Amino acid sequence: MTDQPRPKAGRNQSTKRKGPVTPAEVPGTALWKKVLFVSVGVLFVVLMVVSSMGTSWLNVFQTVKTGSVVTTDLTIRDDQNRPLLTSSQTLYSNAIKENRSVFLVSPLVVDAGLPYNQSTKTLPILAPSSGANYTLFGEEFNAISMGVVGMHPGGSKSIRLDANVTEEQNYTVEQFNQLGGDFNNTTIGDEMVLAFTENPEAVYYNNSTPSYALRTTHVVNKSADSLILAFSHAVAELTLSEVQTA
């Protein structure tokens, strides 16, 4: 009988069976999963932010309708683009540094789309003449009231004020100097702030403190013995901040 070869000592002769082969991952699948996970994460963060805001974020979709009460920041400029009146503290501060005549007021509250039929509209001045009012013509305030219709919170708009108001007044040398001007040293384009007594009876009867309304004018023409002051303003720049739906 032929001798059979013996297995070597200490050697395991059992055969290991391999498990099922894992199929190779389709190229691009890993990247797709990462994009999906990142997208879901971003969406979750957005939803958390929106939920923390409540419903206030929906205000950006509001449209100003007739009868809505709106609050708007305001800057009024003349025909040379110089600011005369503003609710912007930054614009006011910059103008004061440049030695410009400008008044600071609070943001304007307007009944949108409702006609304003008074001859004037006074706005309380915060600085530099605290305690006085600034006078807008009724037509100017009416243009603003009508102009805010259709705006959205955060939106901006420029409204022409001189379409119906082009008021000018001629003054002789004596009349102009009586207003506080200096006729000889005044040139075309110069600004001048005039004060109007809102309660003349206080002056006549001395029974109360007079209140004054101010209005910025500027020289548009000058001859040897007279000059013309323009009282009209050119444009109102609005930035809507709040809408209360009627």
Protein backbone atom coordinates (compact mmCIF):
# COMPACT_ATOMS: atom_id res chain seq x y z
CA MET A 1 0.00 0.00 0.00
CA THR A 2 1.30 3.33 -0.88
CA ASP A 3 1.83 5.64 1.98
CA GLN A 4 -0.39 8.75 1.86
CA PRO A 5 1.28 12.03 2.67
CA ARG A 6 0.47 13.16 6.12
CA PRO A 7 -0.66 16.67 6.85
CA LYS A 8 1.92 18.86 8.47
CA ALA A 9 1.51 19.33 12.17
CA GLY A 10 -0.27 22.45 13.36
CA ARG A 11 -1.79 23.32 10.00
CA ASN A 12 -5.52 23.87 9.74
CA GLN A 13 -6.76 22.11 6.73
CA SER A 14 -10.33 23.52 6.84
CA THR A 15 -11.36 25.65 3.89
CA LYS A 16 -12.97 29.03 4.56
CA ARG A 17 -15.89 29.97 2.40
CA LYS A 18 -16.10 33.51 1.20
CA GLY A 19 -19.24 35.55 1.87
CA PRO A 20 -21.34 37.10 -0.86
CA VAL A 21 -19.57 39.76 -2.86
CA THR A 22 -20.74 43.31 -2.04
CA PRO A 23 -21.67 45.05 -5.27
CA ALA A 24 -19.64 48.15 -6.08
CA GLU A 25 -21.37 51.46 -5.31
CA VAL A 26 -22.72 53.20 -8.36
CA PRO A 27 -20.51 56.18 -9.19
CA GLY A 28 -22.06 59.43 -7.96
CA THR A 29 -24.34 57.81 -5.39
CA ALA A 30 -22.28 59.02 -2.42
CA LEU A 31 -22.29 62.59 -3.68
CA TRP A 32 -26.05 62.44 -4.28
CA LYS A 33 -26.62 61.29 -0.71
CA LYS A 34 -24.44 64.09 0.65
CA VAL A 35 -26.35 66.67 -1.34
CA LEU A 36 -29.64 65.23 -0.09
CA PHE A 37 -28.51 65.31 3.53
CA VAL A 38 -27.18 68.86 3.23
CA SER A 39 -30.41 70.03 1.56
CA VAL A 40 -32.54 68.51 4.29
CA GLY A 41 -30.32 70.17 6.92
CA VAL A 42 -30.61 73.59 5.29
CA LEU A 43 -34.39 73.22 4.97
CA PHE A 44 -34.60 72.31 8.66
CA VAL A 45 -32.63 75.44 9.63
CA VAL A 46 -34.81 77.65 7.41
CA LEU A 47 -37.99 76.22 8.92
CA MET A 48 -36.64 76.82 12.42
CA VAL A 49 -35.82 80.46 11.60
CA VAL A 50 -39.21 81.08 9.98
CA SER A 51 -41.06 79.50 12.88
CA SER A 52 -39.19 81.72 15.35
CA MET A 53 -40.34 84.81 13.39
CA GLY A 54 -43.98 83.98 13.82
CA THR A 55 -46.11 85.62 11.15
CA SER A 56 -44.23 88.94 11.02
CA TRP A 57 -42.26 87.85 7.94
CA LEU A 58 -45.53 87.77 6.00
CA ASN A 59 -45.64 91.58 6.19
CA VAL A 60 -43.30 91.82 3.20
CA PHE A 61 -46.14 90.52 1.05
CA GLN A 62 -48.58 93.20 2.19
CA THR A 63 -49.76 95.74 -0.35
CA VAL A 64 -50.87 99.18 0.76
CA LYS A 65 -54.54 99.67 -0.06
CA THR A 66 -56.77 102.70 0.25
CA GLY A 67 -57.59 103.23 3.90
CA SER A 68 -54.47 101.50 5.23
CA VAL A 69 -52.52 103.39 7.88
CA VAL A 70 -48.84 103.33 6.94
CA THR A 71 -45.61 104.54 8.53
CA THR A 72 -42.90 105.69 6.17
CA ASP A 73 -39.46 107.25 6.43
CA LEU A 74 -39.36 110.53 4.56
CA THR A 75 -36.84 112.80 2.88
CA ILE A 76 -37.96 115.89 0.97
CA ARG A 77 -35.60 117.53 -1.52
CA ASP A 78 -35.65 120.71 -3.59
CA ASP A 79 -35.10 121.04 -7.33
CA GLN A 80 -31.31 120.97 -6.78
CA ASN A 81 -31.55 117.62 -4.95
CA ARG A 82 -30.72 119.23 -1.60
CA PRO A 83 -32.41 117.61 1.43
CA LEU A 84 -34.73 119.98 3.27
CA LEU A 85 -36.56 117.66 5.63
CA THR A 86 -35.78 114.08 6.67
CA SER A 87 -36.55 111.35 9.19
CA SER A 88 -33.08 109.83 8.62
CA GLN A 89 -30.73 110.56 11.50
CA THR A 90 -27.74 109.69 9.30
CA LEU A 91 -28.75 112.06 6.49
CA TYR A 92 -29.51 114.80 9.02
CA SER A 93 -26.13 114.42 10.75
CA ASN A 94 -24.25 114.52 7.43
CA ALA A 95 -26.12 117.64 6.32
CA ILE A 96 -25.38 119.43 9.59
CA LYS A 97 -21.67 118.66 9.15
CA GLU A 98 -21.90 120.35 5.74
CA ASN A 99 -23.61 123.39 7.33
CA ARG A 100 -26.81 122.72 5.38
CA SER A 101 -30.32 123.85 6.36
CA VAL A 102 -32.19 120.60 7.04
CA PHE A 103 -34.79 119.58 9.61
CA LEU A 104 -35.18 116.24 11.39
CA VAL A 105 -38.71 114.85 11.86
CA SER A 106 -40.27 111.57 12.94
CA PRO A 107 -41.35 108.97 10.34
CA LEU A 108 -44.57 110.03 8.66
CA VAL A 109 -47.91 108.35 9.44
CA VAL A 110 -50.28 108.49 6.46
CA ASP A 111 -53.84 107.40 5.73
CA ALA A 112 -53.16 105.83 2.37
CA GLY A 113 -55.29 106.91 -0.56
CA LEU A 114 -57.53 109.24 1.43
CA PRO A 115 -57.72 112.79 0.06
CA TYR A 116 -56.18 115.50 2.21
CA ASN A 117 -58.20 118.68 1.76
CA GLN A 118 -56.54 121.05 4.25
CA SER A 119 -54.38 123.89 2.97
CA THR A 120 -51.34 122.88 5.03
CA LYS A 121 -49.96 119.94 7.01
CA THR A 122 -47.58 120.63 9.88
CA LEU A 123 -44.91 118.15 11.01
CA PRO A 124 -43.28 118.50 14.45
CA ILE A 125 -39.55 119.22 14.16
CA LEU A 126 -37.19 117.17 16.34
CA ALA A 127 -34.02 119.13 15.51
CA PRO A 128 -32.54 121.65 15.28
CA SER A 129 -35.65 123.75 16.05
CA SER A 130 -37.36 121.48 18.55
CA GLY A 131 -40.83 122.76 19.44
CA ALA A 132 -41.51 124.26 16.02
CA ASN A 133 -43.34 122.70 13.10
CA TYR A 134 -42.48 122.33 9.44
CA THR A 135 -45.18 123.28 6.94
CA LEU A 136 -46.12 121.14 3.97
CA PHE A 137 -48.69 122.36 1.50
CA GLY A 138 -51.91 120.36 1.42
CA GLU A 139 -51.27 119.36 -2.19
CA GLU A 140 -47.86 117.96 -1.21
CA PHE A 141 -49.22 115.86 1.63
CA ASN A 142 -52.05 114.69 -0.61
CA ALA A 143 -49.51 113.53 -3.22
CA ILE A 144 -47.75 111.47 -0.54
CA SER A 145 -51.03 109.99 0.71
CA MET A 146 -52.03 108.91 -2.78
CA GLY A 147 -48.52 107.81 -3.71
CA VAL A 148 -48.08 105.18 -0.98
CA VAL A 149 -50.97 103.08 -2.36
CA GLY A 150 -49.56 99.91 -3.93
CA MET A 151 -46.27 100.00 -2.00
CA HIS A 152 -44.93 97.13 0.14
CA PRO A 153 -43.13 97.22 3.53
CA GLY A 154 -39.46 97.89 2.91
CA GLY A 155 -40.19 99.32 -0.53
CA SER A 156 -39.00 102.75 -1.66
CA LYS A 157 -40.58 105.31 -3.94
CA SER A 158 -39.99 108.88 -5.11
CA ILE A 159 -43.06 111.11 -5.49
CA ARG A 160 -43.04 114.40 -7.34
CA LEU A 161 -44.35 117.27 -5.24
CA ASP A 162 -43.99 120.10 -7.74
CA ALA A 163 -46.52 118.79 -10.26
CA ASN A 164 -49.25 121.03 -8.83
CA VAL A 165 -47.29 123.33 -6.53
CA THR A 166 -45.04 125.91 -8.20
CA GLU A 167 -45.60 128.79 -5.83
CA GLU A 168 -43.19 131.73 -6.13
CA GLN A 169 -43.20 135.17 -4.52
CA ASN A 170 -41.50 138.40 -5.53
CA TYR A 171 -39.87 140.55 -2.82
CA THR A 172 -38.40 144.02 -3.03
CA VAL A 173 -35.08 144.80 -1.38
CA GLU A 174 -36.84 146.24 1.67
CA GLN A 175 -39.32 143.35 1.97
CA PHE A 176 -36.59 140.75 1.70
CA ASN A 177 -34.42 142.41 4.30
CA GLN A 178 -37.44 142.64 6.63
CA LEU A 179 -37.75 138.87 6.34
CA GLY A 180 -34.24 138.59 7.75
CA GLY A 181 -32.41 138.29 4.45
CA ASP A 182 -29.37 140.16 3.19
CA PHE A 183 -30.30 141.29 -0.29
CA ASN A 184 -26.86 142.52 -1.32
CA ASN A 185 -25.12 139.24 -0.44
CA THR A 186 -27.84 136.89 -1.66
CA THR A 187 -27.39 134.97 -4.93
CA ILE A 188 -29.58 132.68 -7.01
CA GLY A 189 -29.83 129.25 -5.44
CA ASP A 190 -29.37 130.44 -1.86
CA GLU A 191 -31.69 128.82 0.69
CA MET A 192 -33.74 130.71 3.24
CA VAL A 193 -35.95 129.43 6.06
CA LEU A 194 -39.09 131.49 6.70
CA ALA A 195 -41.25 131.29 9.83
CA PHE A 196 -45.02 131.66 9.83
CA THR A 197 -47.07 132.28 12.97
CA GLU A 198 -49.60 129.48 13.37
CA ASN A 199 -51.62 131.32 16.03
CA PRO A 200 -51.50 135.06 15.22
CA GLU A 201 -53.88 135.85 18.08
CA ALA A 202 -51.09 134.94 20.51
CA VAL A 203 -49.01 137.77 19.07
CA TYR A 204 -51.83 140.29 18.87
CA TYR A 205 -53.31 139.69 22.30
CA ASN A 206 -50.26 138.27 24.09
CA ASN A 207 -52.49 135.70 25.74
CA SER A 208 -50.51 132.54 24.83
CA THR A 209 -47.19 131.39 23.49
CA PRO A 210 -46.97 131.78 19.71
CA SER A 211 -46.14 128.69 17.68
CA TYR A 212 -44.29 128.82 14.40
CA ALA A 213 -44.27 126.77 11.25
CA LEU A 214 -41.11 126.83 9.16
CA ARG A 215 -40.67 126.44 5.42
CA THR A 216 -37.43 126.31 3.43
CA THR A 217 -37.37 128.46 0.28
CA HIS A 218 -34.66 129.33 -2.21
CA VAL A 219 -33.86 132.18 -4.58
CA VAL A 220 -34.71 131.45 -8.22
CA ASN A 221 -34.28 134.91 -9.74
CA LYS A 222 -32.80 138.25 -8.79
CA SER A 223 -32.64 141.74 -10.30
CA ALA A 224 -31.20 145.01 -9.09
CA ASP A 225 -34.22 145.86 -6.92
CA SER A 226 -36.06 142.58 -6.22
CA LEU A 227 -35.77 138.81 -6.08
CA ILE A 228 -38.06 135.79 -6.35
CA LEU A 229 -38.33 133.03 -3.74
CA ALA A 230 -39.65 129.60 -4.71
CA PHE A 231 -41.73 127.88 -2.03
CA SER A 232 -42.30 124.58 -3.84
CA HIS A 233 -40.45 121.36 -3.03
CA ALA A 234 -39.43 118.94 -5.75
CA VAL A 235 -39.66 115.35 -4.52
CA ALA A 236 -40.51 113.19 -1.51
CA GLU A 237 -38.46 110.01 -1.06
CA LEU A 238 -40.36 107.36 0.89
CA THR A 239 -39.29 104.05 2.44
CA LEU A 240 -42.26 102.18 3.87
CA SER A 241 -41.70 100.55 7.27
CA GLU A 242 -45.13 99.48 8.51
CA VAL A 243 -48.64 98.81 7.21
CA GLN A 244 -51.79 98.51 9.27
CA THR A 245 -54.43 97.06 6.99
CA ALA A 246 -57.74 98.88 7.16
